[in-house]
């Protein structure tokens, strides 16, 4: 049997998503402290108006928005470093 040795890319993807989410939470709550406003600095982009599909029976509305902050970038960096350690 030929088993591929190495790290799984899906695990890295999950770690990066966890880093984004945890970094976003930390940035949201820590950014309210007086000297940590800078950690919540970032840019938000996506669709201004959601795309809608009305079929008279079902109504579907799709929106996409991403907010990248300093805290989420730090979370991604931490997640990658943790992934490399394991």
N, C-alpha and C. Protein backbone atom coordinates (compact mmCIF):
# COMPACT_ATOMS: atom_id res chain seq x y z
N UNK A 1 0.83 -1.18 0.00
CA UNK A 1 0.00 0.00 0.00
C UNK A 1 0.87 1.24 0.00
N UNK A 2 0.47 2.18 -0.82
CA UNK A 2 1.20 3.43 -0.91
C UNK A 2 0.40 4.51 -0.19
N UNK A 3 0.80 4.85 1.03
CA UNK A 3 0.09 5.85 1.82
C UNK A 3 0.88 7.15 1.75
N UNK A 4 0.20 8.20 1.38
CA UNK A 4 0.84 9.50 1.26
C UNK A 4 1.11 10.07 2.66
N UNK A 5 2.35 10.35 2.92
CA UNK A 5 2.71 10.94 4.21
C UNK A 5 2.78 12.44 4.04
N UNK A 6 2.36 13.14 5.04
CA UNK A 6 2.38 14.59 5.00
C UNK A 6 1.13 15.14 5.66
N UNK A 7 1.00 16.44 5.58
CA UNK A 7 -0.13 17.09 6.23
C UNK A 7 -1.27 17.27 5.24
N UNK A 8 -2.45 17.24 5.77
CA UNK A 8 -3.65 17.34 4.96
C UNK A 8 -4.00 18.81 4.71
N UNK A 9 -4.28 19.17 3.47
CA UNK A 9 -4.62 20.55 3.13
C UNK A 9 -5.97 20.96 3.72
N UNK A 10 -6.88 20.01 3.90
CA UNK A 10 -8.18 20.35 4.50
C UNK A 10 -8.02 20.78 5.95
N UNK A 11 -7.08 20.17 6.63
CA UNK A 11 -6.83 20.55 8.02
C UNK A 11 -6.30 21.98 8.07
N UNK A 12 -5.41 22.32 7.15
CA UNK A 12 -4.91 23.70 7.07
C UNK A 12 -6.05 24.67 6.79
N UNK A 13 -6.95 24.31 5.89
CA UNK A 13 -8.09 25.16 5.56
C UNK A 13 -8.98 25.38 6.79
N UNK A 14 -9.24 24.33 7.55
CA UNK A 14 -10.05 24.44 8.77
C UNK A 14 -9.33 25.31 9.80
N UNK A 15 -8.02 25.15 9.93
CA UNK A 15 -7.25 25.97 10.86
C UNK A 15 -7.32 27.45 10.47
N UNK A 16 -7.22 27.75 9.17
CA UNK A 16 -7.28 29.13 8.72
C UNK A 16 -8.66 29.72 9.00
N UNK A 17 -9.72 28.95 8.74
CA UNK A 17 -11.07 29.44 9.04
C UNK A 17 -11.24 29.69 10.54
N UNK A 18 -10.71 28.79 11.36
CA UNK A 18 -10.79 28.99 12.81
C UNK A 18 -10.00 30.23 13.22
N UNK A 19 -8.86 30.47 12.60
CA UNK A 19 -8.07 31.67 12.89
C UNK A 19 -8.80 32.95 12.53
N UNK A 20 -9.52 32.93 11.40
CA UNK A 20 -10.30 34.10 11.00
C UNK A 20 -11.42 34.37 12.00
N UNK A 21 -12.14 33.33 12.38
CA UNK A 21 -13.27 33.50 13.30
C UNK A 21 -12.80 33.93 14.69
N UNK A 22 -11.82 33.24 15.23
CA UNK A 22 -11.33 33.58 16.57
C UNK A 22 -10.68 34.96 16.57
N UNK A 23 -9.93 35.28 15.53
CA UNK A 23 -9.34 36.61 15.42
C UNK A 23 -10.41 37.70 15.31
N UNK A 24 -11.48 37.41 14.59
CA UNK A 24 -12.59 38.37 14.49
C UNK A 24 -13.26 38.61 15.83
N UNK A 25 -13.47 37.53 16.61
CA UNK A 25 -14.06 37.69 17.94
C UNK A 25 -13.15 38.50 18.85
N UNK A 26 -11.87 38.17 18.84
CA UNK A 26 -10.92 38.89 19.68
C UNK A 26 -10.86 40.36 19.27
N UNK A 27 -10.83 40.62 17.97
CA UNK A 27 -10.79 41.99 17.49
C UNK A 27 -12.04 42.77 17.86
N UNK A 28 -13.18 42.11 17.81
CA UNK A 28 -14.44 42.80 18.13
C UNK A 28 -14.48 43.20 19.60
N UNK A 29 -14.10 42.30 20.47
CA UNK A 29 -14.20 42.59 21.90
C UNK A 29 -13.00 43.36 22.43
N UNK A 30 -11.80 43.05 21.95
CA UNK A 30 -10.62 43.76 22.41
C UNK A 30 -10.54 45.16 21.79
N UNK A 31 -11.16 45.33 20.62
CA UNK A 31 -11.16 46.63 19.95
C UNK A 31 -11.98 47.68 20.67
N UNK A 32 -12.78 47.29 21.65
CA UNK A 32 -13.56 48.24 22.43
C UNK A 32 -12.76 48.82 23.59
N UNK A 33 -11.61 48.24 23.89
CA UNK A 33 -10.75 48.75 24.96
C UNK A 33 -10.06 50.03 24.47
N UNK A 34 -9.74 50.93 25.38
CA UNK A 34 -9.20 52.24 24.97
C UNK A 34 -7.94 52.20 24.12
N UNK A 35 -6.99 51.33 24.42
CA UNK A 35 -5.73 51.34 23.68
C UNK A 35 -5.63 50.27 22.61
N UNK A 36 -6.72 49.57 22.35
CA UNK A 36 -6.70 48.50 21.35
C UNK A 36 -7.67 48.75 20.20
N UNK A 37 -7.97 50.00 19.91
CA UNK A 37 -8.87 50.28 18.77
C UNK A 37 -8.23 49.87 17.45
N UNK A 38 -6.91 49.92 17.38
CA UNK A 38 -6.19 49.61 16.15
C UNK A 38 -6.36 48.15 15.71
N UNK A 39 -6.64 47.27 16.66
CA UNK A 39 -6.74 45.84 16.32
C UNK A 39 -8.02 45.54 15.53
N UNK A 40 -8.99 46.42 15.60
CA UNK A 40 -10.25 46.22 14.89
C UNK A 40 -10.30 47.01 13.58
N UNK A 41 -9.17 47.61 13.19
CA UNK A 41 -9.10 48.36 11.95
C UNK A 41 -9.09 47.38 10.77
N UNK A 42 -9.88 47.68 9.76
CA UNK A 42 -9.91 46.78 8.61
C UNK A 42 -10.75 47.32 7.48
N UNK A 43 -10.98 46.47 6.52
CA UNK A 43 -11.73 46.82 5.32
C UNK A 43 -12.84 45.79 5.11
N UNK A 44 -13.99 46.27 4.68
CA UNK A 44 -15.13 45.41 4.42
C UNK A 44 -15.48 45.51 2.94
N UNK A 45 -15.70 44.36 2.31
CA UNK A 45 -16.10 44.38 0.91
C UNK A 45 -17.06 43.24 0.62
N UNK A 46 -17.77 43.37 -0.48
CA UNK A 46 -18.76 42.37 -0.88
C UNK A 46 -19.82 43.02 -1.75
N UNK A 47 -20.97 42.39 -1.85
CA UNK A 47 -22.08 42.94 -2.62
C UNK A 47 -22.80 44.00 -1.81
N UNK A 48 -23.08 45.16 -2.43
CA UNK A 48 -23.83 46.20 -1.73
C UNK A 48 -25.29 45.78 -1.54
N UNK A 49 -25.89 45.29 -2.61
CA UNK A 49 -27.27 44.83 -2.54
C UNK A 49 -27.28 43.32 -2.79
N UNK A 50 -28.03 42.58 -2.00
CA UNK A 50 -28.06 41.13 -2.22
C UNK A 50 -28.75 40.76 -3.54
N UNK A 51 -28.31 39.68 -4.14
CA UNK A 51 -28.95 39.17 -5.35
C UNK A 51 -30.21 38.41 -4.95
N UNK A 52 -31.31 38.70 -5.62
CA UNK A 52 -32.59 38.08 -5.26
C UNK A 52 -33.16 37.31 -6.45
N UNK A 53 -33.80 36.20 -6.13
CA UNK A 53 -34.49 35.37 -7.12
C UNK A 53 -35.89 35.10 -6.59
N UNK A 54 -36.89 35.64 -7.27
CA UNK A 54 -38.28 35.48 -6.83
C UNK A 54 -39.00 34.59 -7.83
N UNK A 55 -39.39 33.39 -7.39
CA UNK A 55 -40.08 32.43 -8.24
C UNK A 55 -41.56 32.28 -7.88
N UNK A 56 -42.11 33.23 -7.16
CA UNK A 56 -43.49 33.27 -6.71
C UNK A 56 -43.81 32.21 -5.65
N UNK A 57 -43.12 31.11 -5.66
CA UNK A 57 -43.32 30.08 -4.65
C UNK A 57 -42.23 30.18 -3.59
N UNK A 58 -41.05 30.45 -4.07
CA UNK A 58 -39.90 30.56 -3.18
C UNK A 58 -39.12 31.82 -3.52
N UNK A 59 -38.62 32.47 -2.49
CA UNK A 59 -37.84 33.69 -2.66
C UNK A 59 -36.46 33.44 -2.08
N UNK A 60 -35.44 33.60 -2.91
CA UNK A 60 -34.07 33.36 -2.48
C UNK A 60 -33.30 34.67 -2.57
N UNK A 61 -32.57 34.97 -1.51
CA UNK A 61 -31.76 36.18 -1.47
C UNK A 61 -30.35 35.78 -1.04
N UNK A 62 -29.37 36.17 -1.85
CA UNK A 62 -27.99 35.78 -1.58
C UNK A 62 -27.15 37.04 -1.40
N UNK A 63 -26.38 37.08 -0.32
CA UNK A 63 -25.48 38.19 -0.06
C UNK A 63 -24.10 37.64 0.31
N UNK A 64 -23.09 38.45 0.06
CA UNK A 64 -21.71 38.04 0.35
C UNK A 64 -20.95 39.26 0.85
N UNK A 65 -20.40 39.16 2.05
CA UNK A 65 -19.64 40.27 2.62
C UNK A 65 -18.50 39.72 3.47
N UNK A 66 -17.32 40.28 3.29
CA UNK A 66 -16.15 39.87 4.04
C UNK A 66 -15.56 41.11 4.72
N UNK A 67 -15.19 40.94 5.99
CA UNK A 67 -14.52 42.02 6.71
C UNK A 67 -13.16 41.49 7.17
N UNK A 68 -12.11 42.13 6.68
CA UNK A 68 -10.76 41.73 7.04
C UNK A 68 -10.22 42.79 8.00
N UNK A 69 -9.84 42.33 9.20
CA UNK A 69 -9.29 43.23 10.20
C UNK A 69 -7.88 42.77 10.56
N UNK A 70 -7.19 43.61 11.31
CA UNK A 70 -5.85 43.25 11.77
C UNK A 70 -5.91 42.02 12.66
N UNK A 71 -6.94 41.93 13.50
CA UNK A 71 -7.09 40.78 14.39
C UNK A 71 -7.30 39.49 13.60
N UNK A 72 -8.08 39.53 12.52
CA UNK A 72 -8.30 38.32 11.74
C UNK A 72 -7.02 37.90 11.00
N UNK A 73 -6.23 38.87 10.56
CA UNK A 73 -4.95 38.54 9.92
C UNK A 73 -4.00 37.90 10.94
N UNK A 74 -3.97 38.45 12.16
CA UNK A 74 -3.16 37.86 13.22
C UNK A 74 -3.65 36.45 13.57
N UNK A 75 -4.97 36.24 13.52
CA UNK A 75 -5.54 34.92 13.76
C UNK A 75 -5.12 33.92 12.70
N UNK A 76 -5.08 34.34 11.45
CA UNK A 76 -4.65 33.46 10.36
C UNK A 76 -3.17 33.10 10.52
N UNK A 77 -2.36 34.09 10.86
CA UNK A 77 -0.93 33.83 11.06
C UNK A 77 -0.73 32.85 12.21
N UNK A 78 -1.46 33.05 13.30
CA UNK A 78 -1.35 32.13 14.45
C UNK A 78 -1.81 30.72 14.06
N UNK A 79 -2.87 30.62 13.27
CA UNK A 79 -3.37 29.32 12.85
C UNK A 79 -2.36 28.59 11.97
N UNK A 80 -1.70 29.30 11.08
CA UNK A 80 -0.69 28.68 10.22
C UNK A 80 0.51 28.23 11.05
N UNK A 81 0.92 29.05 12.02
CA UNK A 81 2.04 28.66 12.88
C UNK A 81 1.70 27.43 13.72
N UNK A 82 0.47 27.37 14.24
CA UNK A 82 0.05 26.20 15.01
C UNK A 82 -0.01 24.97 14.11
N UNK A 83 -0.50 25.14 12.89
CA UNK A 83 -0.57 24.01 11.95
C UNK A 83 0.81 23.46 11.63
N UNK A 84 1.79 24.35 11.48
CA UNK A 84 3.14 23.91 11.17
C UNK A 84 3.79 23.19 12.35
N UNK A 85 3.35 23.51 13.58
CA UNK A 85 3.90 22.85 14.77
C UNK A 85 3.41 21.42 14.91
N UNK A 86 2.16 21.17 14.49
CA UNK A 86 1.61 19.82 14.69
C UNK A 86 2.00 18.88 13.57
